[in-house]
Amino acid sequence: LYLADRRGNTPTSSGFVADRLGRSPSAATEMLQRLAAEGLVTREPYEGAKLTPEGRESAEELYETYRVLSQFFRDVLDLDAHEEEAIRLTGNVSATVVERLAATILDAEAPSESTGGAGRAADGDR
């Protein structure tokens, strides 16, 4: 829903959600009903679901967590399945951990003076 919302493709049908997530239409409908009960989406019969402002905020936080985890797994840990691993952990990682992972990624990308501009900074250089 979040990506569809960002692209302006709302409301989004439960069938579309089911296809994108590889779930049954009934499972997607059930999930959307739960999100609606939590105030994160609004649903219109035969039209689909839209994020509420609270839902958009929550989705933005989850997406940012996913993005940081995926980049960390790809760039720092060199995992081929970085996206799948990020999906598994998104929602189970605190904001503090996400902030520190993001800082680690930036640190890993920054050239170090002690290495002539290549590689990570040594612990004493931070």
N, C-alpha and C. Protein backbone atom coordinates (compact mmCIF):
# COMPACT_ATOMS: atom_id res chain seq x y z
N LEU A 1 0.82 -1.20 0.00
CA LEU A 1 0.00 0.00 0.00
C LEU A 1 0.86 1.26 0.00
N TYR A 2 1.95 1.21 0.77
CA TYR A 2 2.81 2.39 0.87
C TYR A 2 3.39 2.77 -0.49
N LEU A 3 3.92 1.78 -1.21
CA LEU A 3 4.52 2.08 -2.52
C LEU A 3 3.46 2.54 -3.51
N ALA A 4 2.29 1.93 -3.47
CA ALA A 4 1.19 2.37 -4.33
C ALA A 4 0.79 3.80 -3.97
N ASP A 5 0.75 4.11 -2.67
CA ASP A 5 0.41 5.44 -2.20
C ASP A 5 1.43 6.47 -2.69
N ARG A 6 2.71 6.12 -2.62
CA ARG A 6 3.76 7.03 -3.08
C ARG A 6 3.64 7.32 -4.57
N ARG A 7 3.15 6.34 -5.32
CA ARG A 7 3.00 6.51 -6.77
C ARG A 7 1.65 7.12 -7.14
N GLY A 8 0.80 7.36 -6.14
CA GLY A 8 -0.51 7.93 -6.40
C GLY A 8 -1.53 6.91 -6.88
N ASN A 9 -1.21 5.63 -6.73
CA ASN A 9 -2.10 4.56 -7.19
C ASN A 9 -3.01 4.09 -6.06
N THR A 10 -3.89 4.95 -5.60
CA THR A 10 -4.82 4.57 -4.54
C THR A 10 -6.23 4.91 -4.97
N PRO A 11 -7.22 4.23 -4.48
CA PRO A 11 -7.13 3.11 -3.54
C PRO A 11 -6.56 1.86 -4.22
N THR A 12 -6.05 0.96 -3.39
CA THR A 12 -5.41 -0.27 -3.86
C THR A 12 -6.30 -1.45 -3.51
N SER A 13 -6.56 -2.30 -4.48
CA SER A 13 -7.45 -3.44 -4.26
C SER A 13 -6.76 -4.53 -3.45
N SER A 14 -7.56 -5.31 -2.73
CA SER A 14 -7.01 -6.42 -1.96
C SER A 14 -6.41 -7.47 -2.90
N GLY A 15 -6.95 -7.59 -4.11
CA GLY A 15 -6.38 -8.51 -5.09
C GLY A 15 -4.97 -8.12 -5.50
N PHE A 16 -4.75 -6.81 -5.69
CA PHE A 16 -3.41 -6.31 -6.02
C PHE A 16 -2.46 -6.58 -4.87
N VAL A 17 -2.90 -6.30 -3.64
CA VAL A 17 -2.07 -6.55 -2.46
C VAL A 17 -1.73 -8.04 -2.38
N ALA A 18 -2.72 -8.90 -2.60
CA ALA A 18 -2.50 -10.35 -2.56
C ALA A 18 -1.45 -10.77 -3.59
N ASP A 19 -1.58 -10.27 -4.81
CA ASP A 19 -0.62 -10.61 -5.86
C ASP A 19 0.79 -10.17 -5.51
N ARG A 20 0.92 -8.94 -5.03
CA ARG A 20 2.25 -8.39 -4.71
C ARG A 20 2.91 -9.11 -3.56
N LEU A 21 2.11 -9.60 -2.61
CA LEU A 21 2.67 -10.27 -1.43
C LEU A 21 2.71 -11.78 -1.57
N GLY A 22 2.18 -12.29 -2.66
CA GLY A 22 2.15 -13.74 -2.84
C GLY A 22 1.25 -14.44 -1.85
N ARG A 23 0.14 -13.80 -1.50
CA ARG A 23 -0.83 -14.35 -0.56
C ARG A 23 -2.17 -14.54 -1.26
N SER A 24 -3.06 -15.24 -0.60
CA SER A 24 -4.40 -15.43 -1.16
C SER A 24 -5.20 -14.14 -1.02
N PRO A 25 -6.17 -13.92 -1.88
CA PRO A 25 -7.02 -12.73 -1.74
C PRO A 25 -7.70 -12.65 -0.37
N SER A 26 -8.13 -13.79 0.17
CA SER A 26 -8.78 -13.76 1.48
C SER A 26 -7.80 -13.35 2.58
N ALA A 27 -6.54 -13.80 2.47
CA ALA A 27 -5.53 -13.40 3.47
C ALA A 27 -5.25 -11.91 3.38
N ALA A 28 -5.19 -11.37 2.16
CA ALA A 28 -4.96 -9.94 1.98
C ALA A 28 -6.13 -9.13 2.52
N THR A 29 -7.35 -9.59 2.27
CA THR A 29 -8.54 -8.90 2.79
C THR A 29 -8.52 -8.90 4.31
N GLU A 30 -8.18 -10.03 4.90
CA GLU A 30 -8.11 -10.13 6.37
C GLU A 30 -7.07 -9.16 6.92
N MET A 31 -5.91 -9.10 6.27
CA MET A 31 -4.85 -8.19 6.71
C MET A 31 -5.32 -6.74 6.61
N LEU A 32 -5.98 -6.39 5.52
CA LEU A 32 -6.47 -5.02 5.35
C LEU A 32 -7.54 -4.68 6.39
N GLN A 33 -8.37 -5.66 6.75
CA GLN A 33 -9.37 -5.44 7.80
C GLN A 33 -8.69 -5.15 9.14
N ARG A 34 -7.63 -5.88 9.44
CA ARG A 34 -6.89 -5.63 10.69
C ARG A 34 -6.26 -4.25 10.68
N LEU A 35 -5.66 -3.87 9.55
CA LEU A 35 -5.06 -2.54 9.45
C LEU A 35 -6.12 -1.45 9.58
N ALA A 36 -7.29 -1.68 9.03
CA ALA A 36 -8.39 -0.72 9.16
C ALA A 36 -8.84 -0.62 10.61
N ALA A 37 -8.92 -1.75 11.31
CA ALA A 37 -9.31 -1.75 12.72
C ALA A 37 -8.31 -0.98 13.57
N GLU A 38 -7.05 -0.97 13.14
CA GLU A 38 -6.00 -0.24 13.87
C GLU A 38 -5.91 1.22 13.44
N GLY A 39 -6.74 1.62 12.48
CA GLY A 39 -6.75 3.00 12.03
C GLY A 39 -5.63 3.34 11.06
N LEU A 40 -5.02 2.33 10.45
CA LEU A 40 -3.89 2.58 9.55
C LEU A 40 -4.31 2.68 8.09
N VAL A 41 -5.48 2.12 7.76
CA VAL A 41 -6.02 2.23 6.40
C VAL A 41 -7.51 2.49 6.47
N THR A 42 -8.04 3.04 5.40
CA THR A 42 -9.49 3.11 5.21
C THR A 42 -9.81 2.19 4.04
N ARG A 43 -10.96 1.55 4.11
CA ARG A 43 -11.36 0.61 3.06
C ARG A 43 -12.73 0.99 2.52
N GLU A 44 -12.85 0.92 1.21
CA GLU A 44 -14.12 1.14 0.54
C GLU A 44 -14.44 -0.12 -0.25
N PRO A 45 -15.63 -0.71 -0.01
CA PRO A 45 -15.99 -1.91 -0.77
C PRO A 45 -15.89 -1.68 -2.27
N TYR A 46 -15.32 -2.65 -2.96
CA TYR A 46 -15.16 -2.66 -4.42
C TYR A 46 -14.21 -1.58 -4.94
N GLU A 47 -13.60 -0.82 -4.06
CA GLU A 47 -12.63 0.19 -4.49
C GLU A 47 -11.23 -0.15 -4.01
N GLY A 48 -11.09 -0.47 -2.74
CA GLY A 48 -9.79 -0.82 -2.20
C GLY A 48 -9.48 -0.08 -0.92
N ALA A 49 -8.20 -0.06 -0.59
CA ALA A 49 -7.74 0.52 0.67
C ALA A 49 -6.78 1.66 0.41
N LYS A 50 -6.79 2.63 1.33
CA LYS A 50 -5.88 3.77 1.29
C LYS A 50 -5.28 3.93 2.68
N LEU A 51 -4.04 4.37 2.71
CA LEU A 51 -3.40 4.65 4.00
C LEU A 51 -4.01 5.89 4.63
N THR A 52 -4.18 5.84 5.95
CA THR A 52 -4.54 7.04 6.70
C THR A 52 -3.24 7.80 6.97
N PRO A 53 -3.30 9.03 7.44
CA PRO A 53 -2.06 9.73 7.80
C PRO A 53 -1.22 8.93 8.80
N GLU A 54 -1.88 8.30 9.77
CA GLU A 54 -1.14 7.48 10.74
C GLU A 54 -0.53 6.26 10.06
N GLY A 55 -1.26 5.67 9.14
CA GLY A 55 -0.75 4.53 8.39
C GLY A 55 0.43 4.89 7.51
N ARG A 56 0.36 6.06 6.89
CA ARG A 56 1.46 6.54 6.06
C ARG A 56 2.71 6.76 6.90
N GLU A 57 2.54 7.36 8.07
CA GLU A 57 3.69 7.60 8.95
C GLU A 57 4.32 6.27 9.39
N SER A 58 3.49 5.32 9.77
CA SER A 58 3.99 4.01 10.18
C SER A 58 4.69 3.31 9.02
N ALA A 59 4.09 3.39 7.83
CA ALA A 59 4.67 2.76 6.65
C ALA A 59 6.01 3.40 6.28
N GLU A 60 6.11 4.72 6.42
CA GLU A 60 7.37 5.41 6.13
C GLU A 60 8.47 4.93 7.05
N GLU A 61 8.15 4.77 8.33
CA GLU A 61 9.14 4.27 9.29
C GLU A 61 9.57 2.85 8.95
N LEU A 62 8.61 1.99 8.62
CA LEU A 62 8.94 0.61 8.25
C LEU A 62 9.76 0.56 6.97
N TYR A 63 9.41 1.38 6.00
CA TYR A 63 10.15 1.39 4.74
C TYR A 63 11.58 1.87 4.95
N GLU A 64 11.76 2.88 5.77
CA GLU A 64 13.11 3.37 6.06
C GLU A 64 13.93 2.29 6.77
N THR A 65 13.31 1.58 7.71
CA THR A 65 13.99 0.47 8.38
C THR A 65 14.39 -0.59 7.37
N TYR A 66 13.47 -0.97 6.50
CA TYR A 66 13.76 -1.96 5.46
C TYR A 66 14.93 -1.49 4.59
N ARG A 67 14.89 -0.23 4.16
CA ARG A 67 15.92 0.31 3.28
C ARG A 67 17.30 0.26 3.93
N VAL A 68 17.39 0.68 5.20
CA VAL A 68 18.66 0.67 5.92
C VAL A 68 19.16 -0.76 6.12
N LEU A 69 18.27 -1.66 6.54
CA LEU A 69 18.67 -3.05 6.73
C LEU A 69 19.16 -3.66 5.43
N SER A 70 18.43 -3.44 4.36
CA SER A 70 18.81 -4.01 3.07
C SER A 70 20.18 -3.49 2.62
N GLN A 71 20.40 -2.20 2.76
CA GLN A 71 21.69 -1.62 2.38
C GLN A 71 22.81 -2.15 3.26
N PHE A 72 22.57 -2.28 4.56
CA PHE A 72 23.58 -2.82 5.48
C PHE A 72 23.93 -4.25 5.09
N PHE A 73 22.92 -5.06 4.86
CA PHE A 73 23.16 -6.46 4.50
C PHE A 73 23.90 -6.58 3.17
N ARG A 74 23.59 -5.68 2.22
CA ARG A 74 24.24 -5.72 0.91
C ARG A 74 25.66 -5.16 0.97
N ASP A 75 25.81 -3.95 1.52
CA ASP A 75 27.08 -3.24 1.44
C ASP A 75 28.09 -3.64 2.51
N VAL A 76 27.62 -3.94 3.70
CA VAL A 76 28.54 -4.25 4.80
C VAL A 76 28.72 -5.76 4.95
N LEU A 77 27.62 -6.51 4.92
CA LEU A 77 27.71 -7.96 5.11
C LEU A 77 27.84 -8.73 3.79
N ASP A 78 27.66 -8.04 2.66
CA ASP A 78 27.80 -8.64 1.34
C ASP A 78 26.89 -9.86 1.15
N LEU A 79 25.64 -9.73 1.58
CA LEU A 79 24.67 -10.81 1.44
C LEU A 79 23.94 -10.69 0.11
N ASP A 80 23.86 -11.79 -0.62
CA ASP A 80 23.10 -11.80 -1.87
C ASP A 80 21.60 -11.63 -1.61
N ALA A 81 21.11 -12.25 -0.55
CA ALA A 81 19.68 -12.21 -0.21
C ALA A 81 19.36 -11.04 0.73
N HIS A 82 19.99 -9.89 0.49
CA HIS A 82 19.85 -8.75 1.39
C HIS A 82 18.40 -8.28 1.51
N GLU A 83 17.64 -8.29 0.43
CA GLU A 83 16.25 -7.81 0.50
C GLU A 83 15.38 -8.76 1.33
N GLU A 84 15.55 -10.05 1.12
CA GLU A 84 14.76 -11.04 1.87
C GLU A 84 15.08 -10.97 3.36
N GLU A 85 16.36 -10.82 3.69
CA GLU A 85 16.75 -10.72 5.10
C GLU A 85 16.19 -9.44 5.72
N ALA A 86 16.21 -8.36 4.96
CA ALA A 86 15.68 -7.09 5.47
C ALA A 86 14.18 -7.20 5.72
N ILE A 87 13.47 -7.86 4.82
CA ILE A 87 12.02 -8.04 5.01
C ILE A 87 11.75 -8.81 6.28
N ARG A 88 12.55 -9.86 6.53
CA ARG A 88 12.34 -10.68 7.73
C ARG A 88 12.51 -9.88 9.02
N LEU A 89 13.43 -8.92 9.02
CA LEU A 89 13.73 -8.19 10.25
C LEU A 89 12.98 -6.87 10.41
N THR A 90 12.50 -6.31 9.33
CA THR A 90 11.78 -5.04 9.42
C THR A 90 10.59 -5.22 10.37
N GLY A 91 10.44 -4.29 11.28
CA GLY A 91 9.37 -4.37 12.27
C GLY A 91 9.83 -5.00 13.57
N ASN A 92 11.04 -5.59 13.56
CA ASN A 92 11.58 -6.24 14.75
C ASN A 92 12.86 -5.57 15.24
N VAL A 93 13.16 -4.41 14.69
CA VAL A 93 14.40 -3.71 15.01
C VAL A 93 14.04 -2.33 15.57
N SER A 94 14.69 -1.95 16.65
CA SER A 94 14.39 -0.66 17.27
C SER A 94 14.95 0.49 16.44
N ALA A 95 14.42 1.68 16.67
CA ALA A 95 14.89 2.88 15.98
C ALA A 95 16.36 3.13 16.27
N THR A 96 16.80 2.81 17.49
CA THR A 96 18.20 2.99 17.86
C THR A 96 19.11 2.12 17.00
N VAL A 97 18.71 0.87 16.80
CA VAL A 97 19.50 -0.05 15.97
C VAL A 97 19.55 0.46 14.53
N VAL A 98 18.42 0.92 14.01
CA VAL A 98 18.38 1.43 12.63
C VAL A 98 19.30 2.64 12.49
N GLU A 99 19.27 3.55 13.46
CA GLU A 99 20.15 4.72 13.42
C GLU A 99 21.61 4.32 13.43
N ARG A 100 21.96 3.34 14.25
CA ARG A 100 23.36 2.91 14.33
C ARG A 100 23.80 2.16 13.08
N LEU A 101 22.90 1.38 12.51
CA LEU A 101 23.23 0.72 11.24
C LEU A 101 23.45 1.75 10.14
N ALA A 102 22.59 2.77 10.09
CA ALA A 102 22.74 3.83 9.09
C ALA A 102 24.08 4.54 9.27
N ALA A 103 24.46 4.80 10.52
CA ALA A 103 25.76 5.44 10.79
C ALA A 103 26.90 4.52 10.37
N THR A 104 26.76 3.23 10.60
CA THR A 104 27.78 2.27 10.21
C THR A 104 27.94 2.25 8.69
N ILE A 105 26.83 2.32 7.98
CA ILE A 105 26.88 2.34 6.51
C ILE A 105 27.62 3.59 6.04
N LEU A 106 27.27 4.74 6.62
CA LEU A 106 27.94 5.99 6.24
C LEU A 106 29.42 5.92 6.56
N ASP A 107 29.75 5.35 7.73
CA ASP A 107 31.14 5.22 8.14
C ASP A 107 31.90 4.30 7.18
N ALA A 108 31.26 3.23 6.75
CA ALA A 108 31.90 2.29 5.83
C ALA A 108 32.13 2.93 4.46
N GLU A 109 31.26 3.86 4.08
CA GLU A 109 31.38 4.52 2.78
C GLU A 109 32.36 5.68 2.79
N ALA A 110 32.62 6.25 3.97
CA ALA A 110 33.48 7.43 4.07
C ALA A 110 34.95 7.04 3.90
N PRO A 111 35.70 7.79 3.07
CA PRO A 111 37.13 7.51 2.95
C PRO A 111 37.85 7.88 4.25
N SER A 112 38.84 7.10 4.58
CA SER A 112 39.60 7.31 5.80
C SER A 112 40.90 8.02 5.49
N GLU A 113 41.27 8.98 6.32
CA GLU A 113 42.54 9.68 6.15
C GLU A 113 43.71 8.74 6.37
N SER A 114 43.59 7.81 7.33
CA SER A 114 44.70 6.92 7.67
C SER A 114 44.95 5.87 6.60
N THR A 115 44.00 5.66 5.69
CA THR A 115 44.19 4.67 4.64
C THR A 115 44.34 5.34 3.28
N GLY A 116 44.58 6.65 3.29
CA GLY A 116 44.77 7.36 2.04
C GLY A 116 43.50 7.48 1.21
N GLY A 117 42.35 7.46 1.90
CA GLY A 117 41.09 7.64 1.21
C GLY A 117 40.40 6.34 0.86
N ALA A 118 40.93 5.21 1.29
CA ALA A 118 40.29 3.93 0.96
C ALA A 118 39.94 3.19 2.22
N GLY A 119 38.75 2.60 2.23
CA GLY A 119 38.36 1.72 3.33
C GLY A 119 37.78 2.44 4.51
N ARG A 120 37.52 1.65 5.57
CA ARG A 120 36.92 2.16 6.80
C ARG A 120 37.97 2.82 7.66
N ALA A 121 37.52 3.75 8.47
CA ALA A 121 38.39 4.40 9.44
C ALA A 121 38.69 3.43 10.57
N ALA A 122 39.91 3.50 11.07
CA ALA A 122 40.26 2.68 12.23
C ALA A 122 39.53 3.23 13.44
N ASP A 123 39.36 2.39 14.46
CA ASP A 123 38.62 2.81 15.65
C ASP A 123 39.15 4.11 16.23
N GLY A 124 40.43 4.31 16.21
CA GLY A 124 41.02 5.52 16.77
C GLY A 124 40.75 6.75 15.93
N ASP A 125 40.32 6.57 14.68
CA ASP A 125 40.07 7.69 13.78
C ASP A 125 38.67 8.26 13.91
N ARG A 126 37.81 7.60 14.66
CA ARG A 126 36.42 8.06 14.77
C ARG A 126 36.24 9.01 15.90
